[in-house]
Amino acid sequence: MDFGEFMGLVVVLIGLPWLILHYVTKWKTAPTLTVNDEALLEDLYQLARRLEDRMDTVERLVSADHPDYRQQRQLTDGTDTLAELDELKAMSRQKARRG
């Protein structure tokens, strides 16, 4: 057995199991969500829901005062939430004209 074969055997029999066990141990000791973290996430979720409800209320009030107001809320990706609805309305108008 030459030196290359010996090193290959050492790597397979010692190095590979050590590497696997090392990262399994790291994975098990990794921090997880604590009870406080979960409570904080729940509080933030509830706050976001209340803020969304408030925004809906404000938009309804503005729409009632100004009939020409168009809702301009955007999704987080920057797209207009009404763009798809406007496209569908335009398509239905075109179909109505044809038929």
Foldseek 3Di string as FASTA:
>chain_A
DDPVVVVVVCCVPPVVVVVVVVVVVVVVPDDDQDPVNVVVVVVVVVVVVVVVVVVVVVVVVVCVVPVVDDDQDDDPVGDGPCPVVVVVVVVVVVVVVVD
